[in-house]
Amino acid sequence: MTTALGCSAQASETINVISTVTAPNTFTPNGDGINDLWQIPHLSDYTNSSLKIYNRLGIIIYESKGYTVPWNGTANGSNVPAGAYYYIIDLKDGSKPVTGEVTIIR
């Protein structure tokens, strides 16, 4: 900016855009190439995040630090049965964890 008297000033500002993480509630890992992975938009933006997926007995069946590889509906190398699974996503940014249910349809 320059004034009428010729004085000038310059400033800059950094704006950080925080992406909202909203996990889909279903996916179909049946090998047809459509919706075979549980893709969670913007989760990869949070490189320190953690994700835990639990079965109905409360046993962790999937866990990741960061989200570089989406979950494919398996546990210990085998397909998990169709049904509801529960997740906790901790973004590690001081916000409340994102929790919910994801249903696998085969």
PDB file of N, CA and C in Angstrom:
ATOM      1  N   MET A   1       0.838  -1.133   0.000  1.00  0.00           N
ATOM      2  CA  MET A   1       0.000   0.000   0.000  1.00  0.00           C
ATOM      3  C   MET A   1       0.905   1.224   0.000  1.00  0.00           C
ATOM      4  N   THR A   2       0.506   2.244  -0.724  1.00  0.00           N
ATOM      5  CA  THR A   2       1.250   3.506  -0.766  1.00  0.00           C
ATOM      6  C   THR A   2       0.271   4.655  -0.546  1.00  0.00           C
ATOM      7  N   THR A   3       0.637   5.571   0.352  1.00  0.00           N
ATOM      8  CA  THR A   3      -0.223   6.719   0.631  1.00  0.00           C
ATOM      9  C   THR A   3      -0.009   7.795  -0.434  1.00  0.00           C
ATOM     10  N   ALA A   4      -0.842   8.822  -0.371  1.00  0.00           N
ATOM     11  CA  ALA A   4      -0.733   9.947  -1.306  1.00  0.00           C
ATOM     12  C   ALA A   4       0.576  10.693  -1.121  1.00  0.00           C
ATOM     13  N   LEU A   5       1.184  10.592   0.056  1.00  0.00           N
ATOM     14  CA  LEU A   5       2.458  11.268   0.333  1.00  0.00           C
ATOM     15  C   LEU A   5       3.660  10.398  -0.044  1.00  0.00           C
ATOM     16  N   GLY A   6       3.401   9.209  -0.564  1.00  0.00           N
ATOM     17  CA  GLY A   6       4.490   8.341  -1.005  1.00  0.00           C
ATOM     18  C   GLY A   6       4.988   7.366   0.042  1.00  0.00           C
ATOM     19  N   CYS A   7       4.357   7.337   1.215  1.00  0.00           N
ATOM     20  CA  CYS A   7       4.749   6.358   2.242  1.00  0.00           C
ATOM     21  C   CYS A   7       4.145   5.007   1.881  1.00  0.00           C
ATOM     22  N   SER A   8       4.919   3.974   2.069  1.00  0.00           N
ATOM     23  CA  SER A   8       4.383   2.654   1.731  1.00  0.00           C
ATOM     24  C   SER A   8       4.583   1.686   2.893  1.00  0.00           C
ATOM     25  N   ALA A   9       3.746   0.682   2.897  1.00  0.00           N
ATOM     26  CA  ALA A   9       3.815  -0.378   3.918  1.00  0.00           C
ATOM     27  C   ALA A   9       3.390  -1.674   3.256  1.00  0.00           C
ATOM     28  N   GLN A  10       3.871  -2.747   3.826  1.00  0.00           N
ATOM     29  CA  GLN A  10       3.554  -4.061   3.278  1.00  0.00           C
ATOM     30  C   GLN A  10       3.297  -5.002   4.439  1.00  0.00           C
ATOM     31  N   ALA A  11       2.356  -5.932   4.288  1.00  0.00           N
ATOM     32  CA  ALA A  11       2.038  -6.906   5.332  1.00  0.00           C
ATOM     33  C   ALA A  11       1.600  -8.199   4.667  1.00  0.00           C
ATOM     34  N   SER A  12       1.755  -9.270   5.396  1.00  0.00           N
ATOM     35  CA  SER A  12       1.264 -10.561   4.904  1.00  0.00           C
ATOM     36  C   SER A  12       0.673 -11.324   6.078  1.00  0.00           C
ATOM     37  N   GLU A  13      -0.175 -12.279   5.759  1.00  0.00           N
ATOM     38  CA  GLU A  13      -0.817 -13.078   6.785  1.00  0.00           C
ATOM     39  C   GLU A  13      -0.977 -14.493   6.259  1.00  0.00           C
ATOM     40  N   THR A  14      -0.779 -15.453   7.141  1.00  0.00           N
ATOM     41  CA  THR A  14      -0.957 -16.844   6.780  1.00  0.00           C
ATOM     42  C   THR A  14      -2.290 -17.329   7.326  1.00  0.00           C
ATOM     43  N   ILE A  15      -3.047 -17.985   6.485  1.00  0.00           N
ATOM     44  CA  ILE A  15      -4.335 -18.531   6.883  1.00  0.00           C
ATOM     45  C   ILE A  15      -4.251 -20.044   6.745  1.00  0.00           C
ATOM     46  N   ASN A  16      -4.493 -20.757   7.845  1.00  0.00           N
ATOM     47  CA  ASN A  16      -4.527 -22.219   7.821  1.00  0.00           C
ATOM     48  C   ASN A  16      -5.966 -22.679   7.716  1.00  0.00           C
ATOM     49  N   VAL A  17      -6.264 -23.448   6.697  1.00  0.00           N
ATOM     50  CA  VAL A  17      -7.605 -23.976   6.501  1.00  0.00           C
ATOM     51  C   VAL A  17      -7.661 -25.352   7.139  1.00  0.00           C
ATOM     52  N   ILE A  18      -8.594 -25.514   8.050  1.00  0.00           N
ATOM     53  CA  ILE A  18      -8.744 -26.791   8.741  1.00  0.00           C
ATOM     54  C   ILE A  18      -9.843 -27.576   8.040  1.00  0.00           C
ATOM     55  N   SER A  19      -9.484 -28.738   7.552  1.00  0.00           N
ATOM     56  CA  SER A  19     -10.432 -29.586   6.850  1.00  0.00           C
ATOM     57  C   SER A  19     -11.251 -30.391   7.853  1.00  0.00           C
ATOM     58  N   THR A  20     -12.553 -30.473   7.619  1.00  0.00           N
ATOM     59  CA  THR A  20     -13.428 -31.271   8.467  1.00  0.00           C
ATOM     60  C   THR A  20     -13.316 -32.737   8.069  1.00  0.00           C
ATOM     61  N   VAL A  21     -13.160 -33.578   9.068  1.00  0.00           N
ATOM     62  CA  VAL A  21     -13.082 -35.023   8.820  1.00  0.00           C
ATOM     63  C   VAL A  21     -14.444 -35.630   9.120  1.00  0.00           C
ATOM     64  N   THR A  22     -15.070 -36.165   8.089  1.00  0.00           N
ATOM     65  CA  THR A  22     -16.353 -36.846   8.222  1.00  0.00           C
ATOM     66  C   THR A  22     -16.219 -38.197   7.530  1.00  0.00           C
ATOM     67  N   ALA A  23     -16.344 -39.263   8.307  1.00  0.00           N
ATOM     68  CA  ALA A  23     -16.153 -40.610   7.762  1.00  0.00           C
ATOM     69  C   ALA A  23     -17.452 -41.151   7.171  1.00  0.00           C
ATOM     70  N   PRO A  24     -17.384 -41.772   5.999  1.00  0.00           N
ATOM     71  CA  PRO A  24     -18.571 -42.435   5.441  1.00  0.00           C
ATOM     72  C   PRO A  24     -19.032 -43.549   6.377  1.00  0.00           C
ATOM     73  N   ASN A  25     -20.334 -43.842   6.369  1.00  0.00           N
ATOM     74  CA  ASN A  25     -20.834 -44.855   7.295  1.00  0.00           C
ATOM     75  C   ASN A  25     -20.991 -46.241   6.683  1.00  0.00           C
ATOM     76  N   THR A  26     -20.678 -46.397   5.403  1.00  0.00           N
ATOM     77  CA  THR A  26     -20.719 -47.727   4.771  1.00  0.00           C
ATOM     78  C   THR A  26     -19.649 -47.815   3.685  1.00  0.00           C
ATOM     79  N   PHE A  27     -19.250 -49.043   3.397  1.00  0.00           N
ATOM     80  CA  PHE A  27     -18.470 -49.326   2.199  1.00  0.00           C
ATOM     81  C   PHE A  27     -18.627 -50.794   1.867  1.00  0.00           C
ATOM     82  N   THR A  28     -18.231 -51.148   0.640  1.00  0.00           N
ATOM     83  CA  THR A  28     -18.508 -52.494   0.135  1.00  0.00           C
ATOM     84  C   THR A  28     -17.236 -53.155  -0.386  1.00  0.00           C
ATOM     85  N   PRO A  29     -16.400 -53.674   0.499  1.00  0.00           N
ATOM     86  CA  PRO A  29     -15.141 -54.297   0.054  1.00  0.00           C
ATOM     87  C   PRO A  29     -15.364 -55.695  -0.522  1.00  0.00           C
ATOM     88  N   ASN A  30     -15.983 -55.732  -1.706  1.00  0.00           N
ATOM     89  CA  ASN A  30     -16.316 -57.019  -2.327  1.00  0.00           C
ATOM     90  C   ASN A  30     -15.480 -57.314  -3.572  1.00  0.00           C
ATOM     91  N   GLY A  31     -14.472 -56.485  -3.828  1.00  0.00           N
ATOM     92  CA  GLY A  31     -13.560 -56.757  -4.939  1.00  0.00           C
ATOM     93  C   GLY A  31     -14.050 -56.324  -6.306  1.00  0.00           C
ATOM     94  N   ASP A  32     -15.157 -55.568  -6.372  1.00  0.00           N
ATOM     95  CA  ASP A  32     -15.655 -55.146  -7.692  1.00  0.00           C
ATOM     96  C   ASP A  32     -15.023 -53.844  -8.173  1.00  0.00           C
ATOM     97  N   GLY A  33     -14.105 -53.267  -7.370  1.00  0.00           N
ATOM     98  CA  GLY A  33     -13.429 -52.043  -7.763  1.00  0.00           C
ATOM     99  C   GLY A  33     -14.205 -50.771  -7.474  1.00  0.00           C
ATOM    100  N   ILE A  34     -15.394 -50.907  -6.897  1.00  0.00           N
ATOM    101  CA  ILE A  34     -16.223 -49.756  -6.557  1.00  0.00           C
ATOM    102  C   ILE A  34     -16.426 -49.731  -5.049  1.00  0.00           C
ATOM    103  N   ASN A  35     -15.979 -48.661  -4.410  1.00  0.00           N
ATOM    104  CA  ASN A  35     -16.194 -48.491  -2.973  1.00  0.00           C
ATOM    105  C   ASN A  35     -15.574 -49.625  -2.147  1.00  0.00           C
ATOM    106  N   ASP A  36     -14.444 -50.158  -2.612  1.00  0.00           N
ATOM    107  CA  ASP A  36     -13.794 -51.280  -1.925  1.00  0.00           C
ATOM    108  C   ASP A  36     -12.954 -50.853  -0.725  1.00  0.00           C
ATOM    109  N   LEU A  37     -12.667 -49.563  -0.619  1.00  0.00           N
ATOM    110  CA  LEU A  37     -11.857 -49.054   0.489  1.00  0.00           C
ATOM    111  C   LEU A  37     -12.659 -48.039   1.285  1.00  0.00           C
ATOM    112  N   TRP A  38     -12.386 -47.965   2.575  1.00  0.00           N
ATOM    113  CA  TRP A  38     -13.032 -46.965   3.425  1.00  0.00           C
ATOM    114  C   TRP A  38     -12.235 -45.683   3.313  1.00  0.00           C
ATOM    115  N   GLN A  39     -12.618 -44.843   2.378  1.00  0.00           N
ATOM    116  CA  GLN A  39     -11.936 -43.582   2.105  1.00  0.00           C
ATOM    117  C   GLN A  39     -12.497 -42.507   3.036  1.00  0.00           C
ATOM    118  N   ILE A  40     -11.651 -41.931   3.879  1.00  0.00           N
ATOM    119  CA  ILE A  40     -12.080 -40.873   4.784  1.00  0.00           C
ATOM    120  C   ILE A  40     -11.479 -39.556   4.279  1.00  0.00           C
ATOM    121  N   PRO A  41     -12.316 -38.710   3.646  1.00  0.00           N
ATOM    122  CA  PRO A  41     -11.804 -37.456   3.096  1.00  0.00           C
ATOM    123  C   PRO A  41     -11.125 -36.586   4.154  1.00  0.00           C
ATOM    124  N   HIS A  42     -10.004 -36.024   3.791  1.00  0.00           N
ATOM    125  CA  HIS A  42      -9.226 -35.067   4.581  1.00  0.00           C
ATOM    126  C   HIS A  42      -8.467 -35.683   5.758  1.00  0.00           C
ATOM    127  N   LEU A  43      -8.653 -36.959   6.066  1.00  0.00           N
ATOM    128  CA  LEU A  43      -7.947 -37.533   7.204  1.00  0.00           C
ATOM    129  C   LEU A  43      -6.443 -37.558   6.962  1.00  0.00           C
ATOM    130  N   SER A  44      -6.030 -37.728   5.725  1.00  0.00           N
ATOM    131  CA  SER A  44      -4.590 -37.739   5.425  1.00  0.00           C
ATOM    132  C   SER A  44      -3.946 -36.375   5.659  1.00  0.00           C
ATOM    133  N   ASP A  45      -4.754 -35.308   5.779  1.00  0.00           N
ATOM    134  CA  ASP A  45      -4.222 -33.981   6.103  1.00  0.00           C
ATOM    135  C   ASP A  45      -3.669 -33.932   7.523  1.00  0.00           C
ATOM    136  N   TYR A  46      -4.122 -34.830   8.370  1.00  0.00           N
ATOM    137  CA  TYR A  46      -3.710 -34.887   9.766  1.00  0.00           C
ATOM    138  C   TYR A  46      -2.691 -36.023   9.914  1.00  0.00           C
ATOM    139  N   THR A  47      -1.445 -35.730   9.645  1.00  0.00           N
ATOM    140  CA  THR A  47      -0.410 -36.761   9.565  1.00  0.00           C
ATOM    141  C   THR A  47      -0.127 -37.452  10.893  1.00  0.00           C
ATOM    142  N   ASN A  48      -0.470 -36.843  12.013  1.00  0.00           N
ATOM    143  CA  ASN A  48      -0.250 -37.468  13.318  1.00  0.00           C
ATOM    144  C   ASN A  48      -1.490 -38.165  13.854  1.00  0.00           C
ATOM    145  N   SER A  49      -2.565 -38.183  13.089  1.00  0.00           N
ATOM    146  CA  SER A  49      -3.825 -38.752  13.563  1.00  0.00           C
ATOM    147  C   SER A  49      -3.707 -40.249  13.821  1.00  0.00           C
ATOM    148  N   SER A  50      -4.661 -40.754  14.595  1.00  0.00           N
ATOM    149  CA  SER A  50      -4.740 -42.199  14.790  1.00  0.00           C
ATOM    150  C   SER A  50      -6.174 -42.647  14.550  1.00  0.00           C
ATOM    151  N   LEU A  51      -6.312 -43.849  14.048  1.00  0.00           N
ATOM    152  CA  LEU A  51      -7.617 -44.446  13.773  1.00  0.00           C
ATOM    153  C   LEU A  51      -7.618 -45.834  14.376  1.00  0.00           C
ATOM    154  N   LYS A  52      -8.669 -46.138  15.111  1.00  0.00           N
ATOM    155  CA  LYS A  52      -8.865 -47.490  15.649  1.00  0.00           C
ATOM    156  C   LYS A  52     -10.265 -47.934  15.272  1.00  0.00           C
ATOM    157  N   ILE A  53     -10.357 -49.179  14.788  1.00  0.00           N
ATOM    158  CA  ILE A  53     -11.641 -49.766  14.433  1.00  0.00           C
ATOM    159  C   ILE A  53     -11.836 -50.991  15.319  1.00  0.00           C
ATOM    160  N   TYR A  54     -13.025 -51.072  15.901  1.00  0.00           N
ATOM    161  CA  TYR A  54     -13.353 -52.125  16.857  1.00  0.00           C
ATOM    162  C   TYR A  54     -14.488 -52.994  16.325  1.00  0.00           C
ATOM    163  N   ASN A  55     -14.457 -54.272  16.678  1.00  0.00           N
ATOM    164  CA  ASN A  55     -15.597 -55.135  16.369  1.00  0.00           C
ATOM    165  C   ASN A  55     -16.637 -54.996  17.485  1.00  0.00           C
ATOM    166  N   ARG A  56     -17.723 -55.735  17.400  1.00  0.00           N
ATOM    167  CA  ARG A  56     -18.806 -55.596  18.380  1.00  0.00           C
ATOM    168  C   ARG A  56     -18.425 -56.063  19.772  1.00  0.00           C
ATOM    169  N   LEU A  57     -17.310 -56.791  19.887  1.00  0.00           N
ATOM    170  CA  LEU A  57     -16.820 -57.234  21.195  1.00  0.00           C
ATOM    171  C   LEU A  57     -15.844 -56.242  21.812  1.00  0.00           C
ATOM    172  N   GLY A  58     -15.567 -55.159  21.091  1.00  0.00           N
ATOM    173  CA  GLY A  58     -14.653 -54.139  21.598  1.00  0.00           C
ATOM    174  C   GLY A  58     -13.188 -54.437  21.336  1.00  0.00           C
ATOM    175  N   ILE A  59     -12.916 -55.385  20.453  1.00  0.00           N
ATOM    176  CA  ILE A  59     -11.545 -55.759  20.102  1.00  0.00           C
ATOM    177  C   ILE A  59     -11.086 -54.912  18.914  1.00  0.00           C
ATOM    178  N   ILE A  60      -9.901 -54.327  19.027  1.00  0.00           N
ATOM    179  CA  ILE A  60      -9.360 -53.546  17.916  1.00  0.00           C
ATOM    180  C   ILE A  60      -9.015 -54.495  16.770  1.00  0.00           C
ATOM    181  N   ILE A  61      -9.602 -54.230  15.597  1.00  0.00           N
ATOM    182  CA  ILE A  61      -9.325 -55.072  14.430  1.00  0.00           C
ATOM    183  C   ILE A  61      -8.494 -54.343  13.381  1.00  0.00           C
ATOM    184  N   TYR A  62      -8.379 -53.014  13.522  1.00  0.00           N
ATOM    185  CA  TYR A  62      -7.570 -52.225  12.593  1.00  0.00           C
ATOM    186  C   TYR A  62      -7.093 -50.997  13.339  1.00  0.00           C
ATOM    187  N   GLU A  63      -5.835 -50.634  13.088  1.00  0.00           N
ATOM    188  CA  GLU A  63      -5.276 -49.450  13.727  1.00  0.00           C
ATOM    189  C   GLU A  63      -4.279 -48.816  12.781  1.00  0.00           C
ATOM    190  N   SER A  64      -4.302 -47.494  12.704  1.00  0.00           N
ATOM    191  CA  SER A  64      -3.313 -46.809  11.873  1.00  0.00           C
ATOM    192  C   SER A  64      -2.892 -45.514  12.540  1.00  0.00           C
ATOM    193  N   LYS A  65      -1.676 -45.132  12.250  1.00  0.00           N
ATOM    194  CA  LYS A  65      -1.143 -43.832  12.632  1.00  0.00           C
ATOM    195  C   LYS A  65      -1.018 -43.061  11.330  1.00  0.00           C
ATOM    196  N   GLY A  66      -1.703 -41.936  11.234  1.00  0.00           N
ATOM    197  CA  GLY A  66      -1.842 -41.280   9.947  1.00  0.00           C
ATOM    198  C   GLY A  66      -2.865 -42.079   9.155  1.00  0.00           C
ATOM    199  N   TYR A  67      -3.121 -41.715   7.946  1.00  0.00           N
ATOM    200  CA  TYR A  67      -4.072 -42.491   7.141  1.00  0.00           C
ATOM    201  C   TYR A  67      -3.608 -42.519   5.703  1.00  0.00           C
ATOM    202  N   THR A  68      -2.428 -43.109   5.508  1.00  0.00           N
ATOM    203  CA  THR A  68      -1.860 -43.164   4.165  1.00  0.00           C
ATOM    204  C   THR A  68      -2.445 -44.301   3.339  1.00  0.00           C
ATOM    205  N   VAL A  69      -2.947 -45.351   4.016  1.00  0.00           N
ATOM    206  CA  VAL A  69      -3.542 -46.489   3.324  1.00  0.00           C
ATOM    207  C   VAL A  69      -4.939 -46.725   3.894  1.00  0.00           C
ATOM    208  N   PRO A  70      -5.995 -46.478   3.114  1.00  0.00           N
ATOM    209  CA  PRO A  70      -7.359 -46.689   3.607  1.00  0.00           C
ATOM    210  C   PRO A  70      -7.626 -48.152   3.971  1.00  0.00           C
ATOM    211  N   TRP A  71      -8.517 -48.352   4.936  1.00  0.00           N
ATOM    212  CA  TRP A  71      -8.879 -49.700   5.382  1.00  0.00           C
ATOM    213  C   TRP A  71      -9.628 -50.433   4.276  1.00  0.00           C
ATOM    214  N   ASN A  72      -9.287 -51.702   4.082  1.00  0.00           N
ATOM    215  CA  ASN A  72      -9.895 -52.504   3.026  1.00  0.00           C
ATOM    216  C   ASN A  72     -10.877 -53.552   3.548  1.00  0.00           C
ATOM    217  N   GLY A  73     -11.268 -53.455   4.813  1.00  0.00           N
ATOM    218  CA  GLY A  73     -12.253 -54.389   5.354  1.00  0.00           C
ATOM    219  C   GLY A  73     -11.669 -55.719   5.778  1.00  0.00           C
ATOM    220  N   THR A  74     -10.377 -55.736   6.094  1.00  0.00           N
ATOM    221  CA  THR A  74      -9.754 -56.974   6.551  1.00  0.00           C
ATOM    222  C   THR A  74      -9.165 -56.786   7.944  1.00  0.00           C
ATOM    223  N   ALA A  75      -8.948 -57.903   8.603  1.00  0.00           N
ATOM    224  CA  ALA A  75      -8.246 -57.927   9.885  1.00  0.00           C
ATOM    225  C   ALA A  75      -7.368 -59.166   9.878  1.00  0.00           C
ATOM    226  N   ASN A  76      -6.115 -58.996  10.192  1.00  0.00           N
ATOM    227  CA  ASN A  76      -5.151 -60.102  10.186  1.00  0.00           C
ATOM    228  C   ASN A  76      -5.136 -60.841   8.849  1.00  0.00           C
ATOM    229  N   GLY A  77      -5.307 -60.108   7.755  1.00  0.00           N
ATOM    230  CA  GLY A  77      -5.219 -60.692   6.422  1.00  0.00           C
ATOM    231  C   GLY A  77      -6.472 -61.377   5.916  1.00  0.00           C
ATOM    232  N   SER A  78      -7.551 -61.365   6.701  1.00  0.00           N
ATOM    233  CA  SER A  78      -8.801 -62.007   6.279  1.00  0.00           C
ATOM    234  C   SER A  78      -9.940 -60.994   6.252  1.00  0.00           C
ATOM    235  N   ASN A  79     -10.887 -61.216   5.349  1.00  0.00           N
ATOM    236  CA  ASN A  79     -12.057 -60.347   5.296  1.00  0.00           C
ATOM    237  C   ASN A  79     -12.832 -60.434   6.603  1.00  0.00           C
ATOM    238  N   VAL A  80     -13.251 -59.280   7.113  1.00  0.00           N
ATOM    239  CA  VAL A  80     -14.122 -59.298   8.283  1.00  0.00           C
ATOM    240  C   VAL A  80     -15.551 -59.502   7.795  1.00  0.00           C
ATOM    241  N   PRO A  81     -16.418 -60.072   8.631  1.00  0.00           N
ATOM    242  CA  PRO A  81     -17.804 -60.298   8.202  1.00  0.00           C
ATOM    243  C   PRO A  81     -18.547 -58.991   7.959  1.00  0.00           C
ATOM    244  N   ALA A  82     -19.573 -59.070   7.127  1.00  0.00           N
ATOM    245  CA  ALA A  82     -20.454 -57.918   6.940  1.00  0.00           C
ATOM    246  C   ALA A  82     -21.040 -57.555   8.294  1.00  0.00           C
ATOM    247  N   GLY A  83     -21.239 -56.267   8.511  1.00  0.00           N
ATOM    248  CA  GLY A  83     -21.815 -55.827   9.776  1.00  0.00           C
ATOM    249  C   GLY A  83     -21.280 -54.480  10.192  1.00  0.00           C
ATOM    250  N   ALA A  84     -21.594 -54.106  11.430  1.00  0.00           N
ATOM    251  CA  ALA A  84     -21.219 -52.798  11.965  1.00  0.00           C
ATOM    252  C   ALA A  84     -19.918 -52.885  12.750  1.00  0.00           C
ATOM    253  N   TYR A  85     -19.081 -51.884  12.558  1.00  0.00           N
ATOM    254  CA  TYR A  85     -17.817 -51.743  13.267  1.00  0.00           C
ATOM    255  C   TYR A  85     -17.745 -50.307  13.785  1.00  0.00           C
ATOM    256  N   TYR A  86     -17.052 -50.131  14.861  1.00  0.00           N
ATOM    257  CA  TYR A  86     -17.016 -48.831  15.527  1.00  0.00           C
ATOM    258  C   TYR A  86     -15.614 -48.248  15.432  1.00  0.00           C
ATOM    259  N   TYR A  87     -15.526 -46.941  15.286  1.00  0.00           N
ATOM    260  CA  TYR A  87     -14.220 -46.319  15.101  1.00  0.00           C
ATOM    261  C   TYR A  87     -14.050 -45.114  16.016  1.00  0.00           C
ATOM    262  N   ILE A  88     -12.780 -44.835  16.285  1.00  0.00           N
ATOM    263  CA  ILE A  88     -12.378 -43.621  16.979  1.00  0.00           C
ATOM    264  C   ILE A  88     -11.234 -43.018  16.174  1.00  0.00           C
ATOM    265  N   ILE A  89     -11.415 -41.785  15.749  1.00  0.00           N
ATOM    266  CA  ILE A  89     -10.380 -41.052  15.036  1.00  0.00           C
ATOM    267  C   ILE A  89      -9.909 -39.926  15.945  1.00  0.00           C
ATOM    268  N   ASP A  90      -8.641 -39.947  16.296  1.00  0.00           N
ATOM    269  CA  ASP A  90      -8.045 -38.875  17.089  1.00  0.00           C
ATOM    270  C   ASP A  90      -7.153 -38.076  16.151  1.00  0.00           C
ATOM    271  N   LEU A  91      -7.522 -36.844  15.884  1.00  0.00           N
ATOM    272  CA  LEU A  91      -6.773 -36.011  14.945  1.00  0.00           C
ATOM    273  C   LEU A  91      -5.467 -35.501  15.540  1.00  0.00           C
ATOM    274  N   LYS A  92      -5.289 -35.655  16.842  1.00  0.00           N
ATOM    275  CA  LYS A  92      -4.073 -35.220  17.548  1.00  0.00           C
ATOM    276  C   LYS A  92      -3.842 -33.719  17.388  1.00  0.00           C
ATOM    277  N   ASP A  93      -4.954 -32.981  17.343  1.00  0.00           N
ATOM    278  CA  ASP A  93      -4.846 -31.522  17.234  1.00  0.00           C
ATOM    279  C   ASP A  93      -5.554 -30.800  18.380  1.00  0.00           C
ATOM    280  N   GLY A  94      -5.912 -31.557  19.414  1.00  0.00           N
ATOM    281  CA  GLY A  94      -6.594 -30.971  20.559  1.00  0.00           C
ATOM    282  C   GLY A  94      -8.109 -30.980  20.438  1.00  0.00           C
ATOM    283  N   SER A  95      -8.632 -31.395  19.301  1.00  0.00           N
ATOM    284  CA  SER A  95     -10.084 -31.445  19.125  1.00  0.00           C
ATOM    285  C   SER A  95     -10.633 -32.757  19.690  1.00  0.00           C
ATOM    286  N   LYS A  96     -11.948 -32.770  19.870  1.00  0.00           N
ATOM    287  CA  LYS A  96     -12.631 -33.969  20.358  1.00  0.00           C
ATOM    288  C   LYS A  96     -12.503 -35.084  19.309  1.00  0.00           C
ATOM    289  N   PRO A  97     -12.289 -36.335  19.725  1.00  0.00           N
ATOM    290  CA  PRO A  97     -12.194 -37.426  18.752  1.00  0.00           C
ATOM    291  C   PRO A  97     -13.473 -37.565  17.915  1.00  0.00           C
ATOM    292  N   VAL A  98     -13.291 -38.010  16.690  1.00  0.00           N
ATOM    293  CA  VAL A  98     -14.407 -38.296  15.788  1.00  0.00           C
ATOM    294  C   VAL A  98     -14.746 -39.766  15.998  1.00  0.00           C
ATOM    295  N   THR A  99     -15.979 -40.056  16.344  1.00  0.00           N
ATOM    296  CA  THR A  99     -16.382 -41.438  16.610  1.00  0.00           C
ATOM    297  C   THR A  99     -17.622 -41.778  15.794  1.00  0.00           C
ATOM    298  N   GLY A 100     -17.844 -43.058  15.593  1.00  0.00           N
ATOM    299  CA  GLY A 100     -19.034 -43.473  14.879  1.00  0.00           C
ATOM    300  C   GLY A 100     -18.999 -44.935  14.520  1.00  0.00           C
ATOM    301  N   GLU A 101     -19.877 -45.266  13.605  1.00  0.00           N
ATOM    302  CA  GLU A 101     -20.043 -46.649  13.155  1.00  0.00           C
ATOM    303  C   GLU A 101     -19.879 -46.706  11.642  1.00  0.00           C
ATOM    304  N   VAL A 102     -19.194 -47.721  11.184  1.00  0.00           N
ATOM    305  CA  VAL A 102     -19.087 -47.974   9.749  1.00  0.00           C
ATOM    306  C   VAL A 102     -19.621 -49.375   9.501  1.00  0.00           C
ATOM    307  N   THR A 103     -20.456 -49.491   8.492  1.00  0.00           N
ATOM    308  CA  THR A 103     -21.069 -50.778   8.161  1.00  0.00           C
ATOM    309  C   THR A 103     -20.437 -51.324   6.883  1.00  0.00           C
ATOM    310  N   ILE A 104     -20.024 -52.580   6.966  1.00  0.00           N
ATOM    311  CA  ILE A 104     -19.492 -53.263   5.787  1.00  0.00           C
ATOM    312  C   ILE A 104     -20.630 -54.058   5.158  1.00  0.00           C
ATOM    313  N   ILE A 105     -20.797 -53.846   3.863  1.00  0.00           N
ATOM    314  CA  ILE A 105     -21.787 -54.585   3.081  1.00  0.00           C
ATOM    315  C   ILE A 105     -21.029 -55.403   2.065  1.00  0.00           C
ATOM    316  N   ARG A 106     -21.221 -56.696   2.064  1.00  0.00           N
ATOM    317  CA  ARG A 106     -20.506 -57.565   1.130  1.00  0.00           C
ATOM    318  C   ARG A 106     -21.441 -58.094   0.075  1.00  0.00           C
TER     319      ARG A 106
END
